[in-house]
PDB file of N, CA and C in Angstrom:
ATOM      1  N   UNK A   1     113.058 128.497 116.566  1.00  0.00           N
ATOM      2  CA  UNK A   1     113.602 127.173 116.704  1.00  0.00           C
ATOM      3  C   UNK A   1     114.599 126.957 115.586  1.00  0.00           C
ATOM      4  N   UNK A   2     115.793 126.610 115.911  1.00  0.00           N
ATOM      5  CA  UNK A   2     116.799 126.292 114.912  1.00  0.00           C
ATOM      6  C   UNK A   2     116.770 124.804 114.657  1.00  0.00           C
ATOM      7  N   UNK A   3     116.874 124.409 113.392  1.00  0.00           N
ATOM      8  CA  UNK A   3     116.894 122.985 113.085  1.00  0.00           C
ATOM      9  C   UNK A   3     118.317 122.459 112.953  1.00  0.00           C
ATOM     10  N   UNK A   4     119.320 123.272 113.233  1.00  0.00           N
ATOM     11  CA  UNK A   4     120.706 122.817 113.201  1.00  0.00           C
ATOM     12  C   UNK A   4     120.950 121.975 114.441  1.00  0.00           C
ATOM     13  N   UNK A   5     121.623 120.835 114.304  1.00  0.00           N
ATOM     14  CA  UNK A   5     121.856 119.937 115.429  1.00  0.00           C
ATOM     15  C   UNK A   5     123.150 119.196 115.240  1.00  0.00           C
ATOM     16  N   UNK A   6     123.681 118.686 116.347  1.00  0.00           N
ATOM     17  CA  UNK A   6     124.930 117.933 116.288  1.00  0.00           C
ATOM     18  C   UNK A   6     124.785 116.637 115.497  1.00  0.00           C
ATOM     19  N   UNK A   7     123.581 116.125 115.376  1.00  0.00           N
ATOM     20  CA  UNK A   7     123.336 114.874 114.671  1.00  0.00           C
ATOM     21  C   UNK A   7     122.530 115.153 113.408  1.00  0.00           C
ATOM     22  N   UNK A   8     122.966 116.107 112.612  1.00  0.00           N
ATOM     23  CA  UNK A   8     122.216 116.538 111.446  1.00  0.00           C
ATOM     24  C   UNK A   8     122.608 115.702 110.237  1.00  0.00           C
ATOM     25  N   UNK A   9     121.771 114.721 109.924  1.00  0.00           N
ATOM     26  CA  UNK A   9     122.060 113.847 108.785  1.00  0.00           C
ATOM     27  C   UNK A   9     121.423 114.361 107.499  1.00  0.00           C
ATOM     28  N   UNK A  10     120.677 115.461 107.566  1.00  0.00           N
ATOM     29  CA  UNK A  10     119.983 115.976 106.388  1.00  0.00           C
ATOM     30  C   UNK A  10     120.777 117.037 105.660  1.00  0.00           C
ATOM     31  N   UNK A  11     121.939 117.398 106.149  1.00  0.00           N
ATOM     32  CA  UNK A  11     122.727 118.420 105.467  1.00  0.00           C
ATOM     33  C   UNK A  11     122.388 119.802 105.969  1.00  0.00           C
ATOM     34  N   UNK A  12     122.392 120.764 105.071  1.00  0.00           N
ATOM     35  CA  UNK A  12     122.164 122.161 105.427  1.00  0.00           C
ATOM     36  C   UNK A  12     120.799 122.342 106.074  1.00  0.00           C
ATOM     37  N   UNK A  13     120.726 123.282 107.000  1.00  0.00           N
ATOM     38  CA  UNK A  13     119.461 123.563 107.673  1.00  0.00           C
ATOM     39  C   UNK A  13     119.156 125.046 107.592  1.00  0.00           C
ATOM     40  N   UNK A  14     117.957 125.391 108.001  1.00  0.00           N
ATOM     41  CA  UNK A  14     117.534 126.780 108.079  1.00  0.00           C
ATOM     42  C   UNK A  14     116.779 126.958 109.383  1.00  0.00           C
ATOM     43  N   UNK A  15     116.413 128.163 109.705  1.00  0.00           N
ATOM     44  CA  UNK A  15     115.730 128.453 110.959  1.00  0.00           C
ATOM     45  C   UNK A  15     114.257 128.731 110.702  1.00  0.00           C
ATOM     46  N   UNK A  16     113.413 128.239 111.609  1.00  0.00           N
ATOM     47  CA  UNK A  16     111.970 128.443 111.555  1.00  0.00           C
ATOM     48  C   UNK A  16     111.503 128.735 112.977  1.00  0.00           C
ATOM     49  N   UNK A  17     110.734 129.779 113.150  1.00  0.00           N
ATOM     50  CA  UNK A  17     110.175 130.096 114.461  1.00  0.00           C
ATOM     51  C   UNK A  17     108.772 129.522 114.536  1.00  0.00           C
ATOM     52  N   UNK A  18     108.495 128.809 115.643  1.00  0.00           N
ATOM     53  CA  UNK A  18     107.201 128.151 115.816  1.00  0.00           C
ATOM     54  C   UNK A  18     106.599 128.580 117.147  1.00  0.00           C
ATOM     55  N   UNK A  19     105.317 128.910 117.151  1.00  0.00           N
ATOM     56  CA  UNK A  19     104.616 129.232 118.395  1.00  0.00           C
ATOM     57  C   UNK A  19     103.955 127.956 118.908  1.00  0.00           C
ATOM     58  N   UNK A  20     104.216 127.644 120.179  1.00  0.00           N
ATOM     59  CA  UNK A  20     103.662 126.447 120.807  1.00  0.00           C
ATOM     60  C   UNK A  20     102.957 126.816 122.100  1.00  0.00           C
ATOM     61  N   UNK A  21     101.949 126.048 122.472  1.00  0.00           N
ATOM     62  CA  UNK A  21     101.389 126.234 123.806  1.00  0.00           C
ATOM     63  C   UNK A  21     102.478 125.904 124.841  1.00  0.00           C
ATOM     64  N   UNK A  22     102.480 126.589 125.979  1.00  0.00           N
ATOM     65  CA  UNK A  22     103.523 126.364 126.982  1.00  0.00           C
ATOM     66  C   UNK A  22     103.669 124.907 127.400  1.00  0.00           C
ATOM     67  N   UNK A  23     102.553 124.186 127.519  1.00  0.00           N
ATOM     68  CA  UNK A  23     102.642 122.787 127.960  1.00  0.00           C
ATOM     69  C   UNK A  23     103.356 121.909 126.934  1.00  0.00           C
ATOM     70  N   UNK A  24     103.177 122.196 125.647  1.00  0.00           N
ATOM     71  CA  UNK A  24     103.876 121.427 124.612  1.00  0.00           C
ATOM     72  C   UNK A  24     105.369 121.748 124.653  1.00  0.00           C
ATOM     73  N   UNK A  25     105.693 123.013 124.847  1.00  0.00           N
ATOM     74  CA  UNK A  25     107.100 123.398 124.961  1.00  0.00           C
ATOM     75  C   UNK A  25     107.748 122.698 126.146  1.00  0.00           C
ATOM     76  N   UNK A  26     107.036 122.628 127.274  1.00  0.00           N
ATOM     77  CA  UNK A  26     107.564 121.945 128.455  1.00  0.00           C
ATOM     78  C   UNK A  26     107.753 120.453 128.196  1.00  0.00           C
ATOM     79  N   UNK A  27     106.778 119.840 127.533  1.00  0.00           N
ATOM     80  CA  UNK A  27     106.890 118.415 127.209  1.00  0.00           C
ATOM     81  C   UNK A  27     108.055 118.161 126.260  1.00  0.00           C
ATOM     82  N   UNK A  28     108.239 119.051 125.308  1.00  0.00           N
ATOM     83  CA  UNK A  28     109.359 118.924 124.382  1.00  0.00           C
ATOM     84  C   UNK A  28     110.683 119.024 125.142  1.00  0.00           C
ATOM     85  N   UNK A  29     110.746 119.950 126.095  1.00  0.00           N
ATOM     86  CA  UNK A  29     111.942 120.088 126.912  1.00  0.00           C
ATOM     87  C   UNK A  29     112.222 118.831 127.719  1.00  0.00           C
ATOM     88  N   UNK A  30     111.172 118.250 128.288  1.00  0.00           N
ATOM     89  CA  UNK A  30     111.344 117.009 129.053  1.00  0.00           C
ATOM     90  C   UNK A  30     111.832 115.882 128.149  1.00  0.00           C
ATOM     91  N   UNK A  31     111.239 115.774 126.972  1.00  0.00           N
ATOM     92  CA  UNK A  31     111.663 114.744 126.024  1.00  0.00           C
ATOM     93  C   UNK A  31     113.115 114.951 125.613  1.00  0.00           C
ATOM     94  N   UNK A  32     113.488 116.185 125.392  1.00  0.00           N
ATOM     95  CA  UNK A  32     114.869 116.494 125.014  1.00  0.00           C
ATOM     96  C   UNK A  32     115.837 116.056 126.106  1.00  0.00           C
ATOM     97  N   UNK A  33     115.494 116.350 127.342  1.00  0.00           N
ATOM     98  CA  UNK A  33     116.355 115.938 128.450  1.00  0.00           C
ATOM     99  C   UNK A  33     116.473 114.423 128.532  1.00  0.00           C
ATOM    100  N   UNK A  34     115.347 113.752 128.435  1.00  0.00           N
ATOM    101  CA  UNK A  34     115.340 112.291 128.588  1.00  0.00           C
ATOM    102  C   UNK A  34     116.051 111.577 127.445  1.00  0.00           C
ATOM    103  N   UNK A  35     116.017 112.156 126.263  1.00  0.00           N
ATOM    104  CA  UNK A  35     116.633 111.509 125.101  1.00  0.00           C
ATOM    105  C   UNK A  35     118.018 112.061 124.783  1.00  0.00           C
ATOM    106  N   UNK A  36     118.416 113.094 125.533  1.00  0.00           N
ATOM    107  CA  UNK A  36     119.713 113.743 125.310  1.00  0.00           C
ATOM    108  C   UNK A  36     119.832 114.299 123.891  1.00  0.00           C
ATOM    109  N   UNK A  37     118.745 114.842 123.418  1.00  0.00           N
ATOM    110  CA  UNK A  37     118.689 115.535 122.123  1.00  0.00           C
ATOM    111  C   UNK A  37     118.294 116.972 122.385  1.00  0.00           C
ATOM    112  N   UNK A  38     118.522 117.818 121.408  1.00  0.00           N
ATOM    113  CA  UNK A  38     118.073 119.193 121.565  1.00  0.00           C
ATOM    114  C   UNK A  38     116.596 119.301 121.200  1.00  0.00           C
ATOM    115  N   UNK A  39     115.947 120.328 121.732  1.00  0.00           N
ATOM    116  CA  UNK A  39     114.554 120.572 121.365  1.00  0.00           C
ATOM    117  C   UNK A  39     114.446 120.834 119.872  1.00  0.00           C
ATOM    118  N   UNK A  40     115.423 121.548 119.324  1.00  0.00           N
ATOM    119  CA  UNK A  40     115.398 121.843 117.888  1.00  0.00           C
ATOM    120  C   UNK A  40     115.474 120.569 117.060  1.00  0.00           C
ATOM    121  N   UNK A  41     116.328 119.651 117.467  1.00  0.00           N
ATOM    122  CA  UNK A  41     116.457 118.396 116.729  1.00  0.00           C
ATOM    123  C   UNK A  41     115.134 117.628 116.757  1.00  0.00           C
ATOM    124  N   UNK A  42     114.550 117.491 117.957  1.00  0.00           N
ATOM    125  CA  UNK A  42     113.298 116.744 118.074  1.00  0.00           C
ATOM    126  C   UNK A  42     112.168 117.402 117.295  1.00  0.00           C
ATOM    127  N   UNK A  43     112.073 118.725 117.369  1.00  0.00           N
ATOM    128  CA  UNK A  43     111.033 119.432 116.624  1.00  0.00           C
ATOM    129  C   UNK A  43     111.239 119.272 115.122  1.00  0.00           C
ATOM    130  N   UNK A  44     112.485 119.369 114.675  1.00  0.00           N
ATOM    131  CA  UNK A  44     112.782 119.191 113.255  1.00  0.00           C
ATOM    132  C   UNK A  44     112.410 117.808 112.768  1.00  0.00           C
ATOM    133  N   UNK A  45     112.723 116.785 113.589  1.00  0.00           N
ATOM    134  CA  UNK A  45     112.355 115.413 113.227  1.00  0.00           C
ATOM    135  C   UNK A  45     110.845 115.254 113.146  1.00  0.00           C
ATOM    136  N   UNK A  46     110.138 115.804 114.122  1.00  0.00           N
ATOM    137  CA  UNK A  46     108.684 115.689 114.138  1.00  0.00           C
ATOM    138  C   UNK A  46     108.062 116.381 112.928  1.00  0.00           C
ATOM    139  N   UNK A  47     108.546 117.556 112.611  1.00  0.00           N
ATOM    140  CA  UNK A  47     108.021 118.289 111.452  1.00  0.00           C
ATOM    141  C   UNK A  47     108.320 117.532 110.163  1.00  0.00           C
ATOM    142  N   UNK A  48     109.538 117.005 110.037  1.00  0.00           N
ATOM    143  CA  UNK A  48     109.904 116.262 108.823  1.00  0.00           C
ATOM    144  C   UNK A  48     108.996 115.050 108.630  1.00  0.00           C
ATOM    145  N   UNK A  49     108.727 114.318 109.701  1.00  0.00           N
ATOM    146  CA  UNK A  49     107.852 113.142 109.594  1.00  0.00           C
ATOM    147  C   UNK A  49     106.416 113.540 109.258  1.00  0.00           C
ATOM    148  N   UNK A  50     105.941 114.599 109.892  1.00  0.00           N
ATOM    149  CA  UNK A  50     104.591 115.077 109.623  1.00  0.00           C
ATOM    150  C   UNK A  50     104.441 115.496 108.160  1.00  0.00           C
ATOM    151  N   UNK A  51     105.396 116.261 107.673  1.00  0.00           N
ATOM    152  CA  UNK A  51     105.337 116.738 106.287  1.00  0.00           C
ATOM    153  C   UNK A  51     105.372 115.558 105.322  1.00  0.00           C
ATOM    154  N   UNK A  52     106.247 114.595 105.565  1.00  0.00           N
ATOM    155  CA  UNK A  52     106.334 113.421 104.684  1.00  0.00           C
ATOM    156  C   UNK A  52     105.014 112.654 104.676  1.00  0.00           C
ATOM    157  N   UNK A  53     104.420 112.449 105.868  1.00  0.00           N
ATOM    158  CA  UNK A  53     103.150 111.721 105.954  1.00  0.00           C
ATOM    159  C   UNK A  53     102.042 112.461 105.222  1.00  0.00           C
ATOM    160  N   UNK A  54     101.940 113.762 105.434  1.00  0.00           N
ATOM    161  CA  UNK A  54     100.887 114.537 104.786  1.00  0.00           C
ATOM    162  C   UNK A  54     101.053 114.555 103.268  1.00  0.00           C
ATOM    163  N   UNK A  55     102.294 114.668 102.799  1.00  0.00           N
ATOM    164  CA  UNK A  55     102.524 114.640 101.349  1.00  0.00           C
ATOM    165  C   UNK A  55     102.147 113.283 100.761  1.00  0.00           C
ATOM    166  N   UNK A  56     102.434 112.196 101.479  1.00  0.00           N
ATOM    167  CA  UNK A  56     102.027 110.864 101.026  1.00  0.00           C
ATOM    168  C   UNK A  56     100.510 110.769 100.922  1.00  0.00           C
ATOM    169  N   UNK A  57      99.814 111.317 101.898  1.00  0.00           N
ATOM    170  CA  UNK A  57      98.346 111.297 101.875  1.00  0.00           C
ATOM    171  C   UNK A  57      97.826 112.073 100.672  1.00  0.00           C
ATOM    172  N   UNK A  58      98.379 113.251 100.452  1.00  0.00           N
ATOM    173  CA  UNK A  58      97.945 114.072  99.322  1.00  0.00           C
ATOM    174  C   UNK A  58      98.218 113.359  98.002  1.00  0.00           C
ATOM    175  N   UNK A  59      99.364 112.715  97.888  1.00  0.00           N
ATOM    176  CA  UNK A  59      99.677 111.970  96.656  1.00  0.00           C
ATOM    177  C   UNK A  59      98.698 110.825  96.454  1.00  0.00           C
ATOM    178  N   UNK A  60      98.316 110.131  97.532  1.00  0.00           N
ATOM    179  CA  UNK A  60      97.329 109.051  97.425  1.00  0.00           C
ATOM    180  C   UNK A  60      95.975 109.557  96.973  1.00  0.00           C
ATOM    181  N   UNK A  61      95.575 110.688  97.508  1.00  0.00           N
ATOM    182  CA  UNK A  61      94.314 111.298  97.096  1.00  0.00           C
ATOM    183  C   UNK A  61      94.376 111.668  95.618  1.00  0.00           C
ATOM    184  N   UNK A  62      95.490 112.236  95.203  1.00  0.00           N
ATOM    185  CA  UNK A  62      95.643 112.624  93.793  1.00  0.00           C
ATOM    186  C   UNK A  62      95.559 111.398  92.881  1.00  0.00           C
ATOM    187  N   UNK A  63      96.212 110.291  93.289  1.00  0.00           N
ATOM    188  CA  UNK A  63      96.133 109.059  92.484  1.00  0.00           C
ATOM    189  C   UNK A  63      94.700 108.560  92.408  1.00  0.00           C
ATOM    190  N   UNK A  64      93.982 108.655  93.534  1.00  0.00           N
ATOM    191  CA  UNK A  64      92.582 108.232  93.542  1.00  0.00           C
ATOM    192  C   UNK A  64      91.725 109.088  92.624  1.00  0.00           C
ATOM    193  N   UNK A  65      91.949 110.378  92.658  1.00  0.00           N
ATOM    194  CA  UNK A  65      91.201 111.267  91.764  1.00  0.00           C
ATOM    195  C   UNK A  65      91.513 110.967  90.303  1.00  0.00           C
ATOM    196  N   UNK A  66      92.765 110.699  90.005  1.00  0.00           N
ATOM    197  CA  UNK A  66      93.130 110.354  88.620  1.00  0.00           C
ATOM    198  C   UNK A  66      92.450 109.067  88.191  1.00  0.00           C
ATOM    199  N   UNK A  67      92.329 108.083  89.102  1.00  0.00           N
ATOM    200  CA  UNK A  67      91.604 106.853  88.786  1.00  0.00           C
ATOM    201  C   UNK A  67      90.137 107.150  88.484  1.00  0.00           C
ATOM    202  N   UNK A  68      89.530 108.032  89.279  1.00  0.00           N
ATOM    203  CA  UNK A  68      88.131 108.397  89.049  1.00  0.00           C
ATOM    204  C   UNK A  68      87.990 109.060  87.688  1.00  0.00           C
ATOM    205  N   UNK A  69      88.857 110.019  87.396  1.00  0.00           N
ATOM    206  CA  UNK A  69      88.784 110.738  86.124  1.00  0.00           C
ATOM    207  C   UNK A  69      89.000 109.805  84.933  1.00  0.00           C
ATOM    208  N   UNK A  70      89.804 108.742  85.133  1.00  0.00           N
ATOM    209  CA  UNK A  70      90.082 107.797  84.048  1.00  0.00           C
ATOM    210  C   UNK A  70      89.044 106.679  83.990  1.00  0.00           C
ATOM    211  N   UNK A  71      88.083 106.696  84.921  1.00  0.00           N
ATOM    212  CA  UNK A  71      87.040 105.675  84.910  1.00  0.00           C
ATOM    213  C   UNK A  71      87.456 104.366  85.560  1.00  0.00           C
ATOM    214  N   UNK A  72      88.561 104.352  86.279  1.00  0.00           N
ATOM    215  CA  UNK A  72      89.027 103.132  86.946  1.00  0.00           C
ATOM    216  C   UNK A  72      88.406 103.065  88.343  1.00  0.00           C
ATOM    217  N   UNK A  73      87.121 102.749  88.364  1.00  0.00           N
ATOM    218  CA  UNK A  73      86.385 102.697  89.627  1.00  0.00           C
ATOM    219  C   UNK A  73      85.587 101.405  89.710  1.00  0.00           C
ATOM    220  N   UNK A  74      85.208 101.045  90.916  1.00  0.00           N
ATOM    221  CA  UNK A  74      84.348  99.886  91.164  1.00  0.00           C
ATOM    222  C   UNK A  74      83.066 100.433  91.779  1.00  0.00           C
ATOM    223  N   UNK A  75      81.920 100.019  91.279  1.00  0.00           N
ATOM    224  CA  UNK A  75      80.666 100.492  91.870  1.00  0.00           C
ATOM    225  C   UNK A  75      80.599 100.138  93.363  1.00  0.00           C
ATOM    226  N   UNK A  76      79.980 100.997  94.147  1.00  0.00           N
ATOM    227  CA  UNK A  76      79.893 100.823  95.591  1.00  0.00           C
ATOM    228  C   UNK A  76      79.312  99.468  95.973  1.00  0.00           C
ATOM    229  N   UNK A  77      78.206  99.073  95.343  1.00  0.00           N
ATOM    230  CA  UNK A  77      77.556  97.804  95.690  1.00  0.00           C
ATOM    231  C   UNK A  77      78.494  96.619  95.463  1.00  0.00           C
ATOM    232  N   UNK A  78      79.245  96.660  94.368  1.00  0.00           N
ATOM    233  CA  UNK A  78      80.188  95.578  94.075  1.00  0.00           C
ATOM    234  C   UNK A  78      81.315  95.541  95.109  1.00  0.00           C
ATOM    235  N   UNK A  79      81.833  96.689  95.459  1.00  0.00           N
ATOM    236  CA  UNK A  79      82.903  96.755  96.456  1.00  0.00           C
ATOM    237  C   UNK A  79      82.410  96.233  97.808  1.00  0.00           C
ATOM    238  N   UNK A  80      81.193  96.610  98.198  1.00  0.00           N
ATOM    239  CA  UNK A  80      80.649  96.147  99.478  1.00  0.00           C
ATOM    240  C   UNK A  80      80.407  94.644  99.477  1.00  0.00           C
ATOM    241  N   UNK A  81      79.963  94.071  98.348  1.00  0.00           N
ATOM    242  CA  UNK A  81      79.785  92.614  98.264  1.00  0.00           C
ATOM    243  C   UNK A  81      81.123  91.912  98.489  1.00  0.00           C
ATOM    244  N   UNK A  82      82.193  92.422  97.857  1.00  0.00           N
ATOM    245  CA  UNK A  82      83.512  91.828  98.019  1.00  0.00           C
ATOM    246  C   UNK A  82      84.005  91.936  99.458  1.00  0.00           C
ATOM    247  N   UNK A  83      83.767  93.075 100.073  1.00  0.00           N
ATOM    248  CA  UNK A  83      84.191  93.274 101.465  1.00  0.00           C
ATOM    249  C   UNK A  83      83.438  92.325 102.390  1.00  0.00           C
ATOM    250  N   UNK A  84      82.130  92.244 102.225  1.00  0.00           N
ATOM    251  CA  UNK A  84      81.321  91.356 103.073  1.00  0.00           C
ATOM    252  C   UNK A  84      81.724  89.899 102.888  1.00  0.00           C
ATOM    253  N   UNK A  85      82.011  89.496 101.654  1.00  0.00           N
ATOM    254  CA  UNK A  85      82.432  88.120 101.392  1.00  0.00           C
ATOM    255  C   UNK A  85      83.769  87.832 102.072  1.00  0.00           C
ATOM    256  N   UNK A  86      84.677  88.770 102.029  1.00  0.00           N
ATOM    257  CA  UNK A  86      85.980  88.589 102.672  1.00  0.00           C
ATOM    258  C   UNK A  86      85.819  88.495 104.184  1.00  0.00           C
ATOM    259  N   UNK A  87      84.967  89.336 104.766  1.00  0.00           N
ATOM    260  CA  UNK A  87      84.728  89.300 106.209  1.00  0.00           C
ATOM    261  C   UNK A  87      84.100  87.971 106.603  1.00  0.00           C
ATOM    262  N   UNK A  88      83.117  87.524 105.835  1.00  0.00           N
ATOM    263  CA  UNK A  88      82.450  86.252 106.140  1.00  0.00           C
ATOM    264  C   UNK A  88      83.431  85.086 106.045  1.00  0.00           C
ATOM    265  N   UNK A  89      84.268  85.089 105.031  1.00  0.00           N
ATOM    266  CA  UNK A  89      85.246  84.015 104.858  1.00  0.00           C
ATOM    267  C   UNK A  89      86.233  84.011 106.021  1.00  0.00           C
ATOM    268  N   UNK A  90      86.674  85.178 106.425  1.00  0.00           N
ATOM    269  CA  UNK A  90      87.626  85.286 107.536  1.00  0.00           C
ATOM    270  C   UNK A  90      86.976  84.824 108.843  1.00  0.00           C
ATOM    271  N   UNK A  91      85.718  85.154 109.045  1.00  0.00           N
ATOM    272  CA  UNK A  91      85.009  84.764 110.272  1.00  0.00           C
ATOM    273  C   UNK A  91      84.851  83.256 110.366  1.00  0.00           C
ATOM    274  N   UNK A  92      84.737  82.561 109.243  1.00  0.00           N
ATOM    275  CA  UNK A  92      84.574  81.113 109.224  1.00  0.00           C
ATOM    276  C   UNK A  92      85.891  80.368 109.334  1.00  0.00           C
ATOM    277  N   UNK A  93      86.998  81.028 109.058  1.00  0.00           N
ATOM    278  CA  UNK A  93      88.318  80.399 109.089  1.00  0.00           C
ATOM    279  C   UNK A  93      88.801  80.306 110.526  1.00  0.00           C
ATOM    280  N   UNK A  94      89.171  79.085 110.977  1.00  0.00           N
ATOM    281  CA  UNK A  94      89.689  78.974 112.349  1.00  0.00           C
ATOM    282  C   UNK A  94      90.961  79.801 112.514  1.00  0.00           C
ATOM    283  N   UNK A  95      91.015  80.540 113.606  1.00  0.00           N
ATOM    284  CA  UNK A  95      92.162  81.392 113.878  1.00  0.00           C
ATOM    285  C   UNK A  95      93.215  80.605 114.656  1.00  0.00           C
ATOM    286  N   UNK A  96      94.515  80.774 114.312  1.00  0.00           N
ATOM    287  CA  UNK A  96      95.579  80.066 115.042  1.00  0.00           C
ATOM    288  C   UNK A  96      95.622  80.526 116.505  1.00  0.00           C
ATOM    289  N   UNK A  97      95.978  79.590 117.365  1.00  0.00           N
ATOM    290  CA  UNK A  97      96.054  79.918 118.806  1.00  0.00           C
ATOM    291  C   UNK A  97      97.443  80.215 119.222  1.00  0.00           C
TER     292      UNK A  97
END
């Protein structure tokens, strides 16, 4: 799969070969036809979004671990009391129609 495309806003690209189940390849082809994009462009966009999301998750986990190591934690019982109080308060508040 080549990530080079006519609408390449990311600059230089490189090539990556990906193995897909036939049904996913067919669906990608259908999407490409319907959106008038190339399969390579759509696959590149999907991979870029996936990688960005996963890196964000990993960074969040790392920040959480650093908080634990630094002692910036709330005991479970205290956190659950706060959550239950918030839920109870929300349940008692009339909801707009």
